[in-house]
Amino acid sequence: MATYLETPEGRSIAYSYSEGTGPTVVFLGGFMSDMEGSKALFLEQWAVSQGRAFLRFDYSGHGVSSGAFVDGAIGDWAEDARSVITALIEGPVILVGSSMGGWISCLLSKRLENRVAGFVGIAAAPDFTEDGFWANFSQEERDRVMTDGRVDVPSDYGNAYPITRRLIEDGRQNFVLRSELKIAAPVRLLQGTEDASVTRETALRLFDHIDSDDMHMEFVRGADHSFSSALCLDILVRAIEEVLERGSAA
């Protein structure tokens, strides 16, 4: 059962926190996903088995947190993440960001400063509102977003994605690929070769853009955007363990 945190902005954020040794591993989910996903639950079980502190949560408008998805945007969800982390966790964190969670992890690496002891990105999708949705919209879709405030985009994962004008405009205020991005901690980026949502070019662009003295990227042949096969989950845990080891040795 989820516990709830009231943020300074008045949003009620659902979370599940497992106590243990630090640094705390924090899972940040993707666009329209929730904390009951396979990766979040798998990592929670792994963390508990290791006695490692672990946090998973739902952004506002996601899962069982308050709010409507269509009213939210990247800046809101990044603020939700920061609020939950600062309220519940003392000390360093390892950010594990899946898809949109990878973008938000990059934002948090700036906003949490020295508290970030490592970042593991899973099919990280930085700036996707602009480089994914907006860049691929027809002129008619762009006009509809700006005039009507919303356009629905087909999804491979069930319900269509409602893309709002606010999502697009707020995304432009939170870009991470268009300004310096220094992460003074180990970084591991994981990417599937069959990912239909995040291209290899995007993955390599992020890899080239992050300024880190300890950064590796791993491509997994045949893996899709979910990155949740048994092999992928094993690779994910290995990456987290490596970041924890490297961070503690620094």
Protein backbone atom coordinates (compact mmCIF):
# COMPACT_ATOMS: atom_id res chain seq x y z
CA MET A 1 0.00 0.00 0.00
CA ALA A 2 1.31 3.43 -0.96
CA THR A 3 2.11 6.20 1.50
CA TYR A 4 1.53 9.82 0.53
CA LEU A 5 3.59 12.98 0.79
CA GLU A 6 2.11 16.47 0.42
CA THR A 7 4.49 18.65 -1.59
CA PRO A 8 4.95 22.41 -1.10
CA GLU A 9 2.92 22.85 -4.31
CA GLY A 10 -0.03 21.00 -2.73
CA ARG A 11 0.33 17.80 -4.74
CA SER A 12 -0.15 14.43 -3.02
CA ILE A 13 2.62 12.08 -4.14
CA ALA A 14 2.32 8.33 -3.62
CA TYR A 15 5.53 6.52 -2.73
CA SER A 16 7.00 3.34 -1.32
CA TYR A 17 10.20 3.64 0.70
CA SER A 18 12.28 0.74 1.97
CA GLU A 19 14.81 1.52 4.66
CA GLY A 20 18.37 0.28 4.43
CA THR A 21 21.93 1.36 3.95
CA GLY A 22 22.77 4.29 1.70
CA PRO A 23 23.23 5.63 -0.83
CA THR A 24 19.50 5.29 -1.45
CA VAL A 25 18.55 3.96 -4.88
CA VAL A 26 15.73 6.07 -6.33
CA PHE A 27 13.73 4.79 -9.30
CA LEU A 28 12.26 7.45 -11.59
CA GLY A 29 9.69 6.11 -14.02
CA GLY A 30 8.71 7.11 -17.51
CA PHE A 31 5.99 9.10 -19.25
CA MET A 32 2.52 7.85 -18.21
CA SER A 33 4.06 4.98 -16.23
CA ASP A 34 3.75 4.29 -12.52
CA MET A 35 5.65 2.82 -9.60
CA GLU A 36 4.05 -0.60 -10.04
CA GLY A 37 6.03 -1.31 -13.21
CA SER A 38 8.22 -4.37 -13.55
CA LYS A 39 11.55 -2.54 -13.23
CA ALA A 40 10.49 -0.60 -10.13
CA LEU A 41 9.20 -3.72 -8.35
CA PHE A 42 12.19 -5.82 -9.39
CA LEU A 43 14.62 -3.21 -8.10
CA GLU A 44 12.72 -2.89 -4.85
CA GLN A 45 13.01 -6.65 -4.28
CA TRP A 46 16.71 -6.53 -5.14
CA ALA A 47 17.31 -3.59 -2.78
CA VAL A 48 15.48 -5.26 0.10
CA SER A 49 17.50 -8.44 -0.43
CA GLN A 50 20.69 -6.36 -0.22
CA GLY A 51 19.58 -4.26 2.74
CA ARG A 52 19.79 -1.21 0.48
CA ALA A 53 17.51 1.81 0.95
CA PHE A 54 15.14 2.20 -2.00
CA LEU A 55 12.47 4.67 -3.12
CA ARG A 56 9.87 4.44 -5.88
CA PHE A 57 7.02 6.91 -6.39
CA ASP A 58 4.36 8.22 -8.76
CA TYR A 59 4.67 11.68 -10.25
CA SER A 60 1.54 13.82 -9.97
CA GLY A 61 -1.03 12.71 -12.54
CA HIS A 62 0.56 9.26 -12.64
CA GLY A 63 -0.47 6.08 -10.86
CA VAL A 64 -2.23 6.84 -7.59
CA SER A 65 -0.78 10.30 -6.97
CA SER A 66 -3.10 13.30 -7.10
CA GLY A 67 -3.83 15.34 -10.19
CA ALA A 68 -4.69 14.75 -13.82
CA PHE A 69 -1.96 13.69 -16.23
CA VAL A 70 -2.97 16.31 -18.82
CA ASP A 71 -2.40 19.11 -16.30
CA GLY A 72 1.23 18.13 -15.66
CA ALA A 73 4.55 18.81 -17.33
CA ILE A 74 8.24 18.00 -17.00
CA GLY A 75 8.92 20.82 -14.55
CA ASP A 76 6.12 19.64 -12.25
CA TRP A 77 7.31 16.04 -12.28
CA ALA A 78 10.91 17.03 -11.64
CA GLU A 79 9.72 19.11 -8.69
CA ASP A 80 7.69 16.15 -7.41
CA ALA A 81 10.82 14.03 -7.54
CA ARG A 82 12.93 16.58 -5.73
CA SER A 83 10.26 17.07 -3.06
CA VAL A 84 9.97 13.35 -2.31
CA ILE A 85 13.74 12.85 -2.23
CA THR A 86 14.47 15.83 0.01
CA ALA A 87 11.61 15.01 2.38
CA LEU A 88 12.34 11.30 2.79
CA ILE A 89 16.06 10.79 2.27
CA GLU A 90 19.10 12.04 4.09
CA GLY A 91 22.43 11.68 2.37
CA PRO A 92 23.41 10.62 -1.15
CA VAL A 93 21.18 9.05 -3.78
CA ILE A 94 21.66 6.88 -6.85
CA LEU A 95 19.21 8.02 -9.52
CA VAL A 96 17.88 5.26 -11.78
CA GLY A 97 15.88 6.96 -14.51
CA SER A 98 13.82 5.11 -17.11
CA SER A 99 12.91 6.98 -20.31
CA MET A 100 11.44 10.32 -19.13
CA GLY A 101 12.92 9.46 -15.73
CA GLY A 102 16.32 9.75 -17.38
CA TRP A 103 15.53 13.35 -18.37
CA ILE A 104 14.29 14.12 -14.86
CA SER A 105 17.41 12.50 -13.38
CA CYS A 106 19.53 14.89 -15.43
CA LEU A 107 17.55 17.82 -14.06
CA LEU A 108 17.95 16.50 -10.52
CA SER A 109 21.69 16.13 -11.00
CA LYS A 110 21.75 19.92 -11.23
CA ARG A 111 19.16 20.68 -8.55
CA LEU A 112 20.34 18.22 -5.91
CA GLU A 113 23.97 19.11 -6.53
CA ASN A 114 26.39 17.02 -4.43
CA ARG A 115 23.72 14.59 -3.20
CA VAL A 116 23.75 12.62 -6.47
CA ALA A 117 26.23 9.77 -6.02
CA GLY A 118 25.44 8.14 -9.36
CA PHE A 119 23.08 8.02 -12.32
CA VAL A 120 21.90 4.98 -14.26
CA GLY A 121 19.83 5.84 -17.33
CA ILE A 122 17.59 3.22 -18.93
CA ALA A 123 16.61 4.27 -22.47
CA ALA A 124 16.93 7.83 -21.21
CA ALA A 125 14.80 10.29 -23.16
CA PRO A 126 16.13 13.83 -22.63
CA ASP A 127 14.22 16.71 -24.26
CA PHE A 128 11.76 14.25 -25.87
CA THR A 129 8.85 16.71 -25.89
CA GLU A 130 10.77 18.75 -28.44
CA ASP A 131 13.01 16.25 -30.25
CA GLY A 132 10.46 13.45 -30.23
CA PHE A 133 6.91 14.80 -30.31
CA TRP A 134 7.24 18.37 -31.63
CA ALA A 135 9.92 17.54 -34.21
CA ASN A 136 7.72 14.80 -35.69
CA PHE A 137 4.42 16.65 -35.62
CA SER A 138 2.89 17.73 -38.89
CA GLN A 139 2.10 21.42 -39.26
CA GLU A 140 -1.54 20.57 -38.63
CA GLU A 141 -0.68 18.84 -35.34
CA ARG A 142 1.51 21.75 -34.26
CA ASP A 143 -1.31 24.17 -35.00
CA ARG A 144 -3.76 22.03 -33.07
CA VAL A 145 -1.50 21.87 -30.02
CA MET A 146 -0.99 25.61 -30.00
CA THR A 147 -4.61 26.52 -30.77
CA ASP A 148 -6.64 23.79 -29.08
CA GLY A 149 -4.07 23.08 -26.39
CA ARG A 150 -3.79 19.34 -27.02
CA VAL A 151 -3.27 16.61 -29.56
CA ASP A 152 -3.47 12.85 -28.91
CA VAL A 153 -0.61 10.75 -30.23
CA PRO A 154 -0.90 6.96 -30.74
CA SER A 155 1.11 4.88 -28.28
CA ASP A 156 2.59 1.39 -28.48
CA TYR A 157 1.66 0.92 -24.83
CA GLY A 158 -2.14 1.23 -24.87
CA ASN A 159 -3.86 4.59 -24.40
CA ALA A 160 -2.86 7.47 -26.66
CA TYR A 161 -0.43 10.07 -25.33
CA PRO A 162 -2.20 13.40 -24.73
CA ILE A 163 0.39 16.02 -25.71
CA THR A 164 -0.54 19.45 -24.42
CA ARG A 165 0.67 22.91 -25.26
CA ARG A 166 1.84 23.28 -21.67
CA LEU A 167 3.88 20.06 -21.92
CA ILE A 168 5.65 21.38 -25.01
CA GLU A 169 6.27 24.87 -23.64
CA ASP A 170 7.33 23.66 -20.21
CA GLY A 171 9.66 21.14 -21.81
CA ARG A 172 11.49 24.02 -23.48
CA GLN A 173 12.17 25.50 -20.05
CA ASN A 174 13.73 22.24 -18.87
CA PHE A 175 16.02 21.13 -21.70
CA VAL A 176 19.20 19.31 -20.67
CA LEU A 177 20.82 18.74 -24.07
CA ARG A 178 21.06 22.42 -24.89
CA SER A 179 23.17 23.60 -21.98
CA GLU A 180 26.09 22.29 -19.95
CA LEU A 181 25.36 19.06 -18.07
CA LYS A 182 28.09 18.10 -15.63
CA ILE A 183 27.52 15.09 -13.37
CA ALA A 184 30.27 14.69 -10.78
CA ALA A 185 29.44 11.02 -10.17
CA PRO A 186 29.56 7.70 -12.03
CA VAL A 187 27.11 7.50 -14.96
CA ARG A 188 25.91 4.35 -16.74
CA LEU A 189 23.59 4.55 -19.75
CA LEU A 190 21.72 1.43 -20.93
CA GLN A 191 20.03 1.20 -24.32
CA GLY A 192 18.29 -1.51 -26.33
CA THR A 193 19.00 -1.83 -30.05
CA GLU A 194 15.30 -2.47 -30.78
CA ASP A 195 14.03 0.54 -28.85
CA ALA A 196 11.28 2.09 -30.99
CA SER A 197 10.86 5.14 -28.72
CA VAL A 198 14.42 6.35 -28.08
CA THR A 199 16.85 6.20 -30.99
CA ARG A 200 20.50 5.22 -30.84
CA GLU A 201 21.26 8.76 -31.97
CA THR A 202 19.49 10.17 -28.91
CA ALA A 203 21.34 7.78 -26.61
CA LEU A 204 24.70 8.71 -28.11
CA ARG A 205 23.84 12.41 -28.05
CA LEU A 206 23.25 12.21 -24.30
CA PHE A 207 26.41 10.17 -23.83
CA ASP A 208 28.46 12.77 -25.71
CA HIS A 209 26.77 15.65 -23.88
CA ILE A 210 27.17 14.62 -20.23
CA ASP A 211 30.41 15.83 -18.67
CA SER A 212 31.45 13.02 -16.33
CA ASP A 213 34.84 11.52 -15.53
CA ASP A 214 33.31 8.05 -15.08
CA MET A 215 30.75 7.24 -17.75
CA HIS A 216 29.98 4.08 -19.75
CA MET A 217 27.24 3.20 -22.23
CA GLU A 218 25.98 -0.31 -22.92
CA PHE A 219 23.85 -1.34 -25.89
CA VAL A 220 21.88 -4.56 -25.51
CA ARG A 221 21.11 -6.32 -28.78
CA GLY A 222 17.42 -7.10 -29.21
CA ALA A 223 16.24 -5.16 -26.15
CA ASP A 224 13.23 -2.88 -26.59
CA HIS A 225 12.20 0.32 -24.81
CA SER A 226 10.81 -1.49 -21.77
CA PHE A 227 14.24 -2.97 -21.01
CA SER A 228 12.56 -5.44 -18.68
CA SER A 229 13.58 -8.92 -19.87
CA ALA A 230 15.42 -11.12 -17.39
CA LEU A 231 18.70 -10.33 -19.17
CA CYS A 232 18.02 -6.58 -19.13
CA LEU A 233 17.14 -6.60 -15.44
CA ASP A 234 20.36 -8.45 -14.65
CA ILE A 235 22.31 -5.85 -16.64
CA LEU A 236 20.48 -3.07 -14.82
CA VAL A 237 21.38 -4.44 -11.39
CA ARG A 238 24.97 -4.89 -12.46
CA ALA A 239 25.12 -1.26 -13.57
CA ILE A 240 23.69 -0.05 -10.26
CA GLU A 241 26.11 -2.20 -8.29
CA GLU A 242 29.01 -0.86 -10.34
CA VAL A 243 27.91 2.73 -9.72
CA LEU A 244 27.60 2.02 -5.99
CA GLU A 245 31.07 0.45 -5.92
CA ARG A 246 32.67 3.19 -7.97
CA GLY A 247 30.98 5.90 -5.92
CA SER A 248 32.12 4.43 -2.60
CA ALA A 249 35.67 4.09 -3.89
CA ALA A 250 35.84 7.72 -4.99
